[in-house]
Amino acid sequence: MEPMTGRRRAVLSVTLAPALAAMFAAPASAAPTWLAPFDVAPADLAVEQVAASFGPSGSVVFAWGTTGGDGISAIAQARRAPGGGPAGAPALASGASEPVLAAGADGTTYAAWSFNDPNRPGEDGIVVARLNPDGSVGAQQVVSGGDDASTPALSVAPDGTLGVAWLASSEEDTGLVRAAIGTFGAFVVRSVSTGDNNASEPAADFDDGGTLHVAWSRLDSDDEGRIKVATVTKAGGPMRQSELWAIDVRSGHRVRLDASAPPHRQRNRPHLPSHHP
């Protein structure tokens, strides 16, 4: 084992498409084999928040939070072409952190991140961007308005529509999940976790029909964790918190939430896999 040097290195284990195909075609008795991990970037004392997006034929885009030579947080990136090795790419942003990546059906890579808003000291915003093949930013837009925003989540619909979710914090230290859906210059923003003042950790994903699903965690008045989900149409509304499920952290059971019923009448069910968001 290598001695600890205090340095951190961005490392990712990648299995390319041909290897995946061979693995799934192999007999059930054959054990899957991971390819050897490789270094994405030189040693970096401040690597954190690593994101990756896998494109056609095994191409990969990497992004991670780091600290620039001026001591300011920044987002670095690297790329690996099909069959090639990692190559450097322009830094995505300075004064920024929490990068997330997503690939469109046509192979276009999109990114979102939080940034320190110079017009609002101490508060952050969320940017979404379309990246060019060389890693430069082709288009970008602030989608979080005046929110003190963090923890972005990003997804791309089959038709290229973008969905971005984030956590909006307040001076009272409460959290509201909000989401933007649309394209550059035409985003619609909606509050998602309505009724929850302590939401956090949003996740977002489009289904094949172009509907955006946003999930988040929250703590209720009894300090029990719950996961909730809502759906947003491509037009940005109407937003509906469809069938909501919570996980009882003590019993491990899934609880179906019925807003019309008092808590003691809500039904407990075993936590079983579901084919529906």
C-alpha atoms as a PDB file:
ATOM      1  CA  MET A   1       0.000   0.000   0.000  1.00  0.00           C
ATOM      2  CA  GLU A   2       1.313   3.451  -0.856  1.00  0.00           C
ATOM      3  CA  PRO A   3       2.171   5.638   2.119  1.00  0.00           C
ATOM      4  CA  MET A   4      -0.198   8.515   2.743  1.00  0.00           C
ATOM      5  CA  THR A   5       1.312  11.700   1.370  1.00  0.00           C
ATOM      6  CA  GLY A   6      -1.452  14.136   2.239  1.00  0.00           C
ATOM      7  CA  ARG A   7      -2.195  14.688  -1.419  1.00  0.00           C
ATOM      8  CA  ARG A   8      -5.452  13.709  -3.045  1.00  0.00           C
ATOM      9  CA  ARG A   9      -5.761  12.516  -6.588  1.00  0.00           C
ATOM     10  CA  ALA A  10      -8.853  12.502  -8.798  1.00  0.00           C
ATOM     11  CA  VAL A  11      -9.256   8.846  -9.762  1.00  0.00           C
ATOM     12  CA  LEU A  12     -12.153   7.167 -11.522  1.00  0.00           C
ATOM     13  CA  SER A  13     -12.610   3.563 -12.593  1.00  0.00           C
ATOM     14  CA  VAL A  14     -14.183   3.462 -16.068  1.00  0.00           C
ATOM     15  CA  THR A  15     -15.596   0.454 -17.886  1.00  0.00           C
ATOM     16  CA  LEU A  16     -16.021   1.264 -21.567  1.00  0.00           C
ATOM     17  CA  ALA A  17     -18.999   0.212 -23.644  1.00  0.00           C
ATOM     18  CA  PRO A  18     -17.329  -2.816 -25.334  1.00  0.00           C
ATOM     19  CA  ALA A  19     -16.250  -4.161 -21.963  1.00  0.00           C
ATOM     20  CA  LEU A  20     -19.768  -3.747 -20.615  1.00  0.00           C
ATOM     21  CA  ALA A  21     -21.229  -5.567 -23.592  1.00  0.00           C
ATOM     22  CA  ALA A  22     -18.792  -8.422 -23.135  1.00  0.00           C
ATOM     23  CA  MET A  23     -19.542  -8.599 -19.420  1.00  0.00           C
ATOM     24  CA  PHE A  24     -23.298  -8.863 -19.920  1.00  0.00           C
ATOM     25  CA  ALA A  25     -22.854 -11.412 -22.716  1.00  0.00           C
ATOM     26  CA  ALA A  26     -20.634 -13.615 -20.536  1.00  0.00           C
ATOM     27  CA  PRO A  27     -22.019 -16.748 -18.829  1.00  0.00           C
ATOM     28  CA  ALA A  28     -23.622 -16.197 -15.449  1.00  0.00           C
ATOM     29  CA  SER A  29     -20.748 -18.086 -13.836  1.00  0.00           C
ATOM     30  CA  ALA A  30     -18.165 -15.611 -15.154  1.00  0.00           C
ATOM     31  CA  ALA A  31     -17.274 -12.976 -12.574  1.00  0.00           C
ATOM     32  CA  PRO A  32     -17.379  -9.358 -13.833  1.00  0.00           C
ATOM     33  CA  THR A  33     -14.019  -7.636 -13.993  1.00  0.00           C
ATOM     34  CA  TRP A  34     -13.376  -3.953 -13.432  1.00  0.00           C
ATOM     35  CA  LEU A  35     -10.832  -2.243 -15.632  1.00  0.00           C
ATOM     36  CA  ALA A  36      -7.862  -0.698 -13.891  1.00  0.00           C
ATOM     37  CA  PRO A  37      -8.525   2.784 -12.455  1.00  0.00           C
ATOM     38  CA  PHE A  38      -6.614   5.674 -13.964  1.00  0.00           C
ATOM     39  CA  ASP A  39      -5.694   9.198 -12.929  1.00  0.00           C
ATOM     40  CA  VAL A  40      -7.930  11.895 -14.357  1.00  0.00           C
ATOM     41  CA  ALA A  41      -5.787  14.815 -13.210  1.00  0.00           C
ATOM     42  CA  PRO A  42      -2.499  15.550 -11.440  1.00  0.00           C
ATOM     43  CA  ALA A  43      -2.355  15.467  -7.667  1.00  0.00           C
ATOM     44  CA  ASP A  44      -4.579  18.156  -6.173  1.00  0.00           C
ATOM     45  CA  LEU A  45      -4.802  19.058  -2.501  1.00  0.00           C
ATOM     46  CA  ALA A  46      -8.404  20.246  -2.815  1.00  0.00           C
ATOM     47  CA  VAL A  47     -10.274  17.693  -4.948  1.00  0.00           C
ATOM     48  CA  GLU A  48     -13.915  17.321  -3.935  1.00  0.00           C
ATOM     49  CA  GLN A  49     -17.410  16.978  -5.396  1.00  0.00           C
ATOM     50  CA  VAL A  50     -16.393  14.840  -8.380  1.00  0.00           C
ATOM     51  CA  ALA A  51     -18.902  14.553 -11.260  1.00  0.00           C
ATOM     52  CA  ALA A  52     -18.741  12.534 -14.484  1.00  0.00           C
ATOM     53  CA  SER A  53     -20.868  12.232 -17.610  1.00  0.00           C
ATOM     54  CA  PHE A  54     -20.563   9.340 -20.055  1.00  0.00           C
ATOM     55  CA  GLY A  55     -21.153  10.058 -23.732  1.00  0.00           C
ATOM     56  CA  PRO A  56     -21.263   8.047 -26.959  1.00  0.00           C
ATOM     57  CA  SER A  57     -18.738   5.253 -27.521  1.00  0.00           C
ATOM     58  CA  GLY A  58     -17.158   5.603 -24.110  1.00  0.00           C
ATOM     59  CA  SER A  59     -16.265   9.294 -24.059  1.00  0.00           C
ATOM     60  CA  VAL A  60     -16.246  10.778 -20.562  1.00  0.00           C
ATOM     61  CA  VAL A  61     -16.322  14.306 -19.160  1.00  0.00           C
ATOM     62  CA  PHE A  62     -15.112  14.868 -15.595  1.00  0.00           C
ATOM     63  CA  ALA A  63     -15.563  17.905 -13.357  1.00  0.00           C
ATOM     64  CA  TRP A  64     -14.584  18.531  -9.761  1.00  0.00           C
ATOM     65  CA  GLY A  65     -14.333  21.258  -7.204  1.00  0.00           C
ATOM     66  CA  THR A  66     -10.872  22.529  -6.361  1.00  0.00           C
ATOM     67  CA  THR A  67      -9.065  25.661  -5.201  1.00  0.00           C
ATOM     68  CA  GLY A  68      -7.271  27.923  -7.656  1.00  0.00           C
ATOM     69  CA  GLY A  69      -3.821  29.419  -7.178  1.00  0.00           C
ATOM     70  CA  ASP A  70      -5.493  32.555  -5.830  1.00  0.00           C
ATOM     71  CA  GLY A  71      -7.161  30.552  -3.080  1.00  0.00           C
ATOM     72  CA  ILE A  72     -10.618  30.957  -4.604  1.00  0.00           C
ATOM     73  CA  SER A  73     -12.815  27.914  -5.167  1.00  0.00           C
ATOM     74  CA  ALA A  74     -13.033  26.783  -8.781  1.00  0.00           C
ATOM     75  CA  ILE A  75     -14.385  23.978 -10.961  1.00  0.00           C
ATOM     76  CA  ALA A  76     -11.843  22.051 -13.023  1.00  0.00           C
ATOM     77  CA  GLN A  77     -12.582  19.550 -15.779  1.00  0.00           C
ATOM     78  CA  ALA A  78     -10.924  16.890 -17.910  1.00  0.00           C
ATOM     79  CA  ARG A  79     -12.079  14.773 -20.850  1.00  0.00           C
ATOM     80  CA  ARG A  80     -11.389  11.311 -22.177  1.00  0.00           C
ATOM     81  CA  ALA A  81     -12.095  10.555 -25.817  1.00  0.00           C
ATOM     82  CA  PRO A  82     -13.148   7.026 -26.849  1.00  0.00           C
ATOM     83  CA  GLY A  83     -10.081   4.807 -26.674  1.00  0.00           C
ATOM     84  CA  GLY A  84      -7.860   7.675 -25.536  1.00  0.00           C
ATOM     85  CA  GLY A  85      -6.402   8.970 -22.312  1.00  0.00           C
ATOM     86  CA  PRO A  86      -7.582  11.832 -20.115  1.00  0.00           C
ATOM     87  CA  ALA A  87      -6.823  15.284 -21.474  1.00  0.00           C
ATOM     88  CA  GLY A  88      -7.045  18.666 -19.828  1.00  0.00           C
ATOM     89  CA  ALA A  89      -9.877  21.061 -20.602  1.00  0.00           C
ATOM     90  CA  PRO A  90     -10.620  24.678 -19.658  1.00  0.00           C
ATOM     91  CA  ALA A  91     -11.724  25.363 -16.108  1.00  0.00           C
ATOM     92  CA  LEU A  92     -15.488  25.731 -15.978  1.00  0.00           C
ATOM     93  CA  ALA A  93     -15.745  28.534 -13.449  1.00  0.00           C
ATOM     94  CA  SER A  94     -14.028  30.450 -10.672  1.00  0.00           C
ATOM     95  CA  GLY A  95     -15.680  31.288  -7.380  1.00  0.00           C
ATOM     96  CA  ALA A  96     -17.817  28.188  -7.916  1.00  0.00           C
ATOM     97  CA  SER A  97     -18.394  24.706  -6.487  1.00  0.00           C
ATOM     98  CA  GLU A  98     -20.787  21.720  -6.461  1.00  0.00           C
ATOM     99  CA  PRO A  99     -20.519  20.745 -10.158  1.00  0.00           C
ATOM    100  CA  VAL A 100     -23.001  18.298 -11.695  1.00  0.00           C
ATOM    101  CA  LEU A 101     -22.956  16.967 -15.273  1.00  0.00           C
ATOM    102  CA  ALA A 102     -25.510  15.394 -17.612  1.00  0.00           C
ATOM    103  CA  ALA A 103     -25.398  14.257 -21.240  1.00  0.00           C
ATOM    104  CA  GLY A 104     -28.087  14.847 -23.847  1.00  0.00           C
ATOM    105  CA  ALA A 105     -29.267  12.213 -26.314  1.00  0.00           C
ATOM    106  CA  ASP A 106     -27.082  13.807 -29.004  1.00  0.00           C
ATOM    107  CA  GLY A 107     -23.964  13.558 -26.819  1.00  0.00           C
ATOM    108  CA  THR A 108     -23.936  17.222 -25.756  1.00  0.00           C
ATOM    109  CA  THR A 109     -22.665  17.704 -22.212  1.00  0.00           C
ATOM    110  CA  TYR A 110     -24.422  20.084 -19.844  1.00  0.00           C
ATOM    111  CA  ALA A 111     -23.217  21.283 -16.458  1.00  0.00           C
ATOM    112  CA  ALA A 112     -24.631  23.107 -13.484  1.00  0.00           C
ATOM    113  CA  TRP A 113     -22.856  24.518 -10.455  1.00  0.00           C
ATOM    114  CA  SER A 114     -23.257  26.956  -7.580  1.00  0.00           C
ATOM    115  CA  PHE A 115     -21.363  30.242  -7.649  1.00  0.00           C
ATOM    116  CA  ASN A 116     -20.632  33.091  -5.262  1.00  0.00           C
ATOM    117  CA  ASP A 117     -22.905  35.921  -6.374  1.00  0.00           C
ATOM    118  CA  PRO A 118     -20.810  39.115  -6.415  1.00  0.00           C
ATOM    119  CA  ASN A 119     -23.962  41.221  -6.197  1.00  0.00           C
ATOM    120  CA  ARG A 120     -25.138  39.446  -3.035  1.00  0.00           C
ATOM    121  CA  PRO A 121     -22.200  38.921  -0.661  1.00  0.00           C
ATOM    122  CA  GLY A 122     -22.514  35.691   1.268  1.00  0.00           C
ATOM    123  CA  GLU A 123     -25.153  34.223  -1.051  1.00  0.00           C
ATOM    124  CA  ASP A 124     -24.865  31.800  -3.952  1.00  0.00           C
ATOM    125  CA  GLY A 125     -26.723  31.187  -7.194  1.00  0.00           C
ATOM    126  CA  ILE A 126     -27.061  28.321  -9.676  1.00  0.00           C
ATOM    127  CA  VAL A 127     -25.752  28.403 -13.251  1.00  0.00           C
ATOM    128  CA  VAL A 128     -26.579  25.875 -15.981  1.00  0.00           C
ATOM    129  CA  ALA A 129     -24.328  25.661 -19.038  1.00  0.00           C
ATOM    130  CA  ARG A 130     -23.952  23.863 -22.356  1.00  0.00           C
ATOM    131  CA  LEU A 131     -20.391  22.730 -22.998  1.00  0.00           C
ATOM    132  CA  ASN A 132     -18.684  22.670 -26.378  1.00  0.00           C
ATOM    133  CA  PRO A 133     -16.743  19.562 -27.500  1.00  0.00           C
ATOM    134  CA  ASP A 134     -13.469  21.222 -26.431  1.00  0.00           C
ATOM    135  CA  GLY A 135     -14.818  21.854 -22.920  1.00  0.00           C
ATOM    136  CA  SER A 136     -15.441  25.576 -23.324  1.00  0.00           C
ATOM    137  CA  VAL A 137     -18.806  27.012 -22.292  1.00  0.00           C
ATOM    138  CA  GLY A 138     -21.116  27.430 -25.286  1.00  0.00           C
ATOM    139  CA  ALA A 139     -24.030  28.980 -23.396  1.00  0.00           C
ATOM    140  CA  GLN A 140     -24.881  29.575 -19.764  1.00  0.00           C
ATOM    141  CA  GLN A 141     -27.648  31.105 -17.677  1.00  0.00           C
ATOM    142  CA  VAL A 142     -28.346  31.824 -14.035  1.00  0.00           C
ATOM    143  CA  VAL A 143     -31.587  30.010 -13.254  1.00  0.00           C
ATOM    144  CA  SER A 144     -31.950  30.569  -9.505  1.00  0.00           C
ATOM    145  CA  GLY A 145     -33.060  34.203  -9.616  1.00  0.00           C
ATOM    146  CA  GLY A 146     -32.646  35.847  -6.224  1.00  0.00           C
ATOM    147  CA  ASP A 147     -32.481  32.578  -4.288  1.00  0.00           C
ATOM    148  CA  ASP A 148     -29.578  31.868  -1.962  1.00  0.00           C
ATOM    149  CA  ALA A 149     -29.127  28.597  -3.834  1.00  0.00           C
ATOM    150  CA  SER A 150     -26.962  25.507  -3.470  1.00  0.00           C
ATOM    151  CA  THR A 151     -26.858  21.743  -4.093  1.00  0.00           C
ATOM    152  CA  PRO A 152     -27.814  21.691  -7.799  1.00  0.00           C
ATOM    153  CA  ALA A 153     -29.204  18.643  -9.582  1.00  0.00           C
ATOM    154  CA  LEU A 154     -29.378  18.373 -13.386  1.00  0.00           C
ATOM    155  CA  SER A 155     -31.122  16.221 -15.988  1.00  0.00           C
ATOM    156  CA  VAL A 156     -31.654  16.370 -19.770  1.00  0.00           C
ATOM    157  CA  ALA A 157     -34.860  15.193 -21.453  1.00  0.00           C
ATOM    158  CA  PRO A 158     -34.736  13.178 -24.718  1.00  0.00           C
ATOM    159  CA  ASP A 159     -35.667  16.335 -26.682  1.00  0.00           C
ATOM    160  CA  GLY A 160     -32.947  18.429 -25.017  1.00  0.00           C
ATOM    161  CA  THR A 161     -35.138  20.163 -22.430  1.00  0.00           C
ATOM    162  CA  LEU A 162     -33.156  20.874 -19.262  1.00  0.00           C
ATOM    163  CA  GLY A 163     -34.308  20.383 -15.688  1.00  0.00           C
ATOM    164  CA  VAL A 164     -32.339  21.958 -12.841  1.00  0.00           C
ATOM    165  CA  ALA A 165     -33.250  21.650  -9.168  1.00  0.00           C
ATOM    166  CA  TRP A 166     -31.624  23.366  -6.203  1.00  0.00           C
ATOM    167  CA  LEU A 167     -32.025  24.146  -2.537  1.00  0.00           C
ATOM    168  CA  ALA A 168     -33.097  27.710  -1.717  1.00  0.00           C
ATOM    169  CA  SER A 169     -32.117  28.732   1.813  1.00  0.00           C
ATOM    170  CA  SER A 170     -33.538  31.567   3.893  1.00  0.00           C
ATOM    171  CA  GLU A 171     -32.329  33.771   6.741  1.00  0.00           C
ATOM    172  CA  GLU A 172     -34.420  31.573   9.040  1.00  0.00           C
ATOM    173  CA  ASP A 173     -32.228  28.612   8.007  1.00  0.00           C
ATOM    174  CA  THR A 174     -35.076  26.816   6.242  1.00  0.00           C
ATOM    175  CA  GLY A 175     -34.790  25.083   2.892  1.00  0.00           C
ATOM    176  CA  LEU A 176     -37.127  25.040  -0.111  1.00  0.00           C
ATOM    177  CA  VAL A 177     -36.461  22.932  -3.221  1.00  0.00           C
ATOM    178  CA  ARG A 178     -37.067  24.808  -6.471  1.00  0.00           C
ATOM    179  CA  ALA A 179     -36.658  23.726 -10.081  1.00  0.00           C
ATOM    180  CA  ALA A 180     -36.186  25.355 -13.485  1.00  0.00           C
ATOM    181  CA  ILE A 181     -37.313  23.590 -16.642  1.00  0.00           C
ATOM    182  CA  GLY A 182     -36.837  24.674 -20.262  1.00  0.00           C
ATOM    183  CA  THR A 183     -34.010  25.816 -22.529  1.00  0.00           C
ATOM    184  CA  PHE A 184     -31.565  28.721 -22.526  1.00  0.00           C
ATOM    185  CA  GLY A 185     -33.480  31.978 -22.468  1.00  0.00           C
ATOM    186  CA  ALA A 186     -36.768  30.222 -21.758  1.00  0.00           C
ATOM    187  CA  PHE A 187     -36.659  28.608 -18.311  1.00  0.00           C
ATOM    188  CA  VAL A 188     -39.735  28.398 -16.089  1.00  0.00           C
ATOM    189  CA  VAL A 189     -39.078  28.245 -12.334  1.00  0.00           C
ATOM    190  CA  ARG A 190     -41.359  26.511  -9.844  1.00  0.00           C
ATOM    191  CA  SER A 191     -41.264  25.922  -6.099  1.00  0.00           C
ATOM    192  CA  VAL A 192     -41.313  22.147  -5.676  1.00  0.00           C
ATOM    193  CA  SER A 193     -41.177  21.188  -1.991  1.00  0.00           C
ATOM    194  CA  THR A 194     -44.258  23.228  -1.100  1.00  0.00           C
ATOM    195  CA  GLY A 195     -45.269  22.691   2.503  1.00  0.00           C
ATOM    196  CA  ASP A 196     -41.756  21.599   3.519  1.00  0.00           C
ATOM    197  CA  ASN A 197     -39.643  24.277   5.174  1.00  0.00           C
ATOM    198  CA  ASN A 198     -36.740  21.947   5.949  1.00  0.00           C
ATOM    199  CA  ALA A 199     -36.122  20.274   2.595  1.00  0.00           C
ATOM    200  CA  SER A 200     -32.640  19.430   1.324  1.00  0.00           C
ATOM    201  CA  GLU A 201     -30.594  17.280  -1.081  1.00  0.00           C
ATOM    202  CA  PRO A 202     -32.679  17.537  -4.275  1.00  0.00           C
ATOM    203  CA  ALA A 203     -32.346  15.035  -7.124  1.00  0.00           C
ATOM    204  CA  ALA A 204     -33.848  15.436 -10.601  1.00  0.00           C
ATOM    205  CA  ASP A 205     -34.459  13.139 -13.557  1.00  0.00           C
ATOM    206  CA  PHE A 206     -36.567  13.136 -16.726  1.00  0.00           C
ATOM    207  CA  ASP A 207     -38.519  10.067 -17.751  1.00  0.00           C
ATOM    208  CA  ASP A 208     -38.806   8.953 -21.388  1.00  0.00           C
ATOM    209  CA  GLY A 209     -41.969  11.023 -21.817  1.00  0.00           C
ATOM    210  CA  GLY A 210     -40.237  14.268 -20.901  1.00  0.00           C
ATOM    211  CA  THR A 211     -41.708  14.645 -17.403  1.00  0.00           C
ATOM    212  CA  LEU A 212     -39.303  15.927 -14.775  1.00  0.00           C
ATOM    213  CA  HIS A 213     -39.321  14.172 -11.414  1.00  0.00           C
ATOM    214  CA  VAL A 214     -37.745  15.929  -8.439  1.00  0.00           C
ATOM    215  CA  ALA A 215     -37.064  14.168  -5.135  1.00  0.00           C
ATOM    216  CA  TRP A 216     -35.833  15.637  -1.872  1.00  0.00           C
ATOM    217  CA  SER A 217     -35.280  14.733   1.749  1.00  0.00           C
ATOM    218  CA  ARG A 218     -36.822  16.442   4.729  1.00  0.00           C
ATOM    219  CA  LEU A 219     -37.159  16.118   8.487  1.00  0.00           C
ATOM    220  CA  ASP A 220     -40.611  16.208   9.998  1.00  0.00           C
ATOM    221  CA  SER A 221     -41.570  17.639  13.369  1.00  0.00           C
ATOM    222  CA  ASP A 222     -40.484  14.398  15.072  1.00  0.00           C
ATOM    223  CA  ASP A 223     -37.025  14.621  13.464  1.00  0.00           C
ATOM    224  CA  GLU A 224     -37.766  11.620  11.251  1.00  0.00           C
ATOM    225  CA  GLY A 225     -36.282  11.617   7.773  1.00  0.00           C
ATOM    226  CA  ARG A 226     -38.582  11.361   4.776  1.00  0.00           C
ATOM    227  CA  ILE A 227     -38.110  11.257   1.012  1.00  0.00           C
ATOM    228  CA  LYS A 228     -40.698  13.032  -1.120  1.00  0.00           C
ATOM    229  CA  VAL A 229     -41.113  13.353  -4.876  1.00  0.00           C
ATOM    230  CA  ALA A 230     -42.976  15.685  -7.218  1.00  0.00           C
ATOM    231  CA  THR A 231     -43.394  15.884 -10.984  1.00  0.00           C
ATOM    232  CA  VAL A 232     -43.192  18.925 -13.248  1.00  0.00           C
ATOM    233  CA  THR A 233     -44.436  19.033 -16.845  1.00  0.00           C
ATOM    234  CA  LYS A 234     -42.174  20.278 -19.629  1.00  0.00           C
ATOM    235  CA  ALA A 235     -44.081  23.562 -19.650  1.00  0.00           C
ATOM    236  CA  GLY A 236     -43.166  24.085 -16.030  1.00  0.00           C
ATOM    237  CA  GLY A 237     -46.575  23.337 -14.614  1.00  0.00           C
ATOM    238  CA  PRO A 238     -48.862  22.340 -13.234  1.00  0.00           C
ATOM    239  CA  MET A 239     -46.555  20.889 -10.618  1.00  0.00           C
ATOM    240  CA  ARG A 240     -48.081  18.025  -8.727  1.00  0.00           C
ATOM    241  CA  GLN A 241     -46.803  16.155  -5.729  1.00  0.00           C
ATOM    242  CA  SER A 242     -48.145  12.850  -6.911  1.00  0.00           C
ATOM    243  CA  GLU A 243     -48.228   9.720  -4.809  1.00  0.00           C
ATOM    244  CA  LEU A 244     -45.764  10.514  -2.046  1.00  0.00           C
ATOM    245  CA  TRP A 245     -43.861   7.935  -0.063  1.00  0.00           C
ATOM    246  CA  ALA A 246     -41.755   8.321   3.040  1.00  0.00           C
ATOM    247  CA  ILE A 247     -39.266   5.992   4.675  1.00  0.00           C
ATOM    248  CA  ASP A 248     -39.754   5.482   8.387  1.00  0.00           C
ATOM    249  CA  VAL A 249     -36.131   5.479   9.564  1.00  0.00           C
ATOM    250  CA  ARG A 250     -36.957   3.403  12.626  1.00  0.00           C
ATOM    251  CA  SER A 251     -38.984   0.609  11.028  1.00  0.00           C
ATOM    252  CA  GLY A 252     -37.551   0.726   7.500  1.00  0.00           C
ATOM    253  CA  HIS A 253     -41.109   0.602   6.141  1.00  0.00           C
ATOM    254  CA  ARG A 254     -42.418   2.796   3.373  1.00  0.00           C
ATOM    255  CA  VAL A 255     -45.291   5.070   4.395  1.00  0.00           C
ATOM    256  CA  ARG A 256     -47.859   6.262   1.902  1.00  0.00           C
ATOM    257  CA  LEU A 257     -48.722   9.878   2.650  1.00  0.00           C
ATOM    258  CA  ASP A 258     -52.321  10.998   2.272  1.00  0.00           C
ATOM    259  CA  ALA A 259     -52.639  14.740   2.738  1.00  0.00           C
ATOM    260  CA  SER A 260     -56.349  14.381   3.513  1.00  0.00           C
ATOM    261  CA  ALA A 261     -55.827  11.927   6.353  1.00  0.00           C
ATOM    262  CA  PRO A 262     -54.455  12.682   9.809  1.00  0.00           C
ATOM    263  CA  PRO A 263     -51.048  11.133  10.612  1.00  0.00           C
ATOM    264  CA  HIS A 264     -52.508   8.255  12.626  1.00  0.00           C
ATOM    265  CA  ARG A 265     -54.539   7.114   9.591  1.00  0.00           C
ATOM    266  CA  GLN A 266     -51.660   7.028   7.135  1.00  0.00           C
ATOM    267  CA  ARG A 267     -50.899   3.520   5.954  1.00  0.00           C
ATOM    268  CA  ASN A 268     -47.628   1.707   6.564  1.00  0.00           C
ATOM    269  CA  ARG A 269     -46.406  -0.656   3.871  1.00  0.00           C
ATOM    270  CA  PRO A 270     -43.215  -2.662   3.458  1.00  0.00           C
ATOM    271  CA  HIS A 271     -40.516  -0.846   1.507  1.00  0.00           C
ATOM    272  CA  LEU A 272     -40.761  -2.656  -1.815  1.00  0.00           C
ATOM    273  CA  PRO A 273     -39.240  -1.748  -5.185  1.00  0.00           C
ATOM    274  CA  SER A 274     -41.534   0.170  -7.503  1.00  0.00           C
ATOM    275  CA  HIS A 275     -41.491   0.550 -11.279  1.00  0.00           C
ATOM    276  CA  HIS A 276     -42.995   4.011 -11.040  1.00  0.00           C
ATOM    277  CA  PRO A 277     -41.246   7.232  -9.975  1.00  0.00           C
END
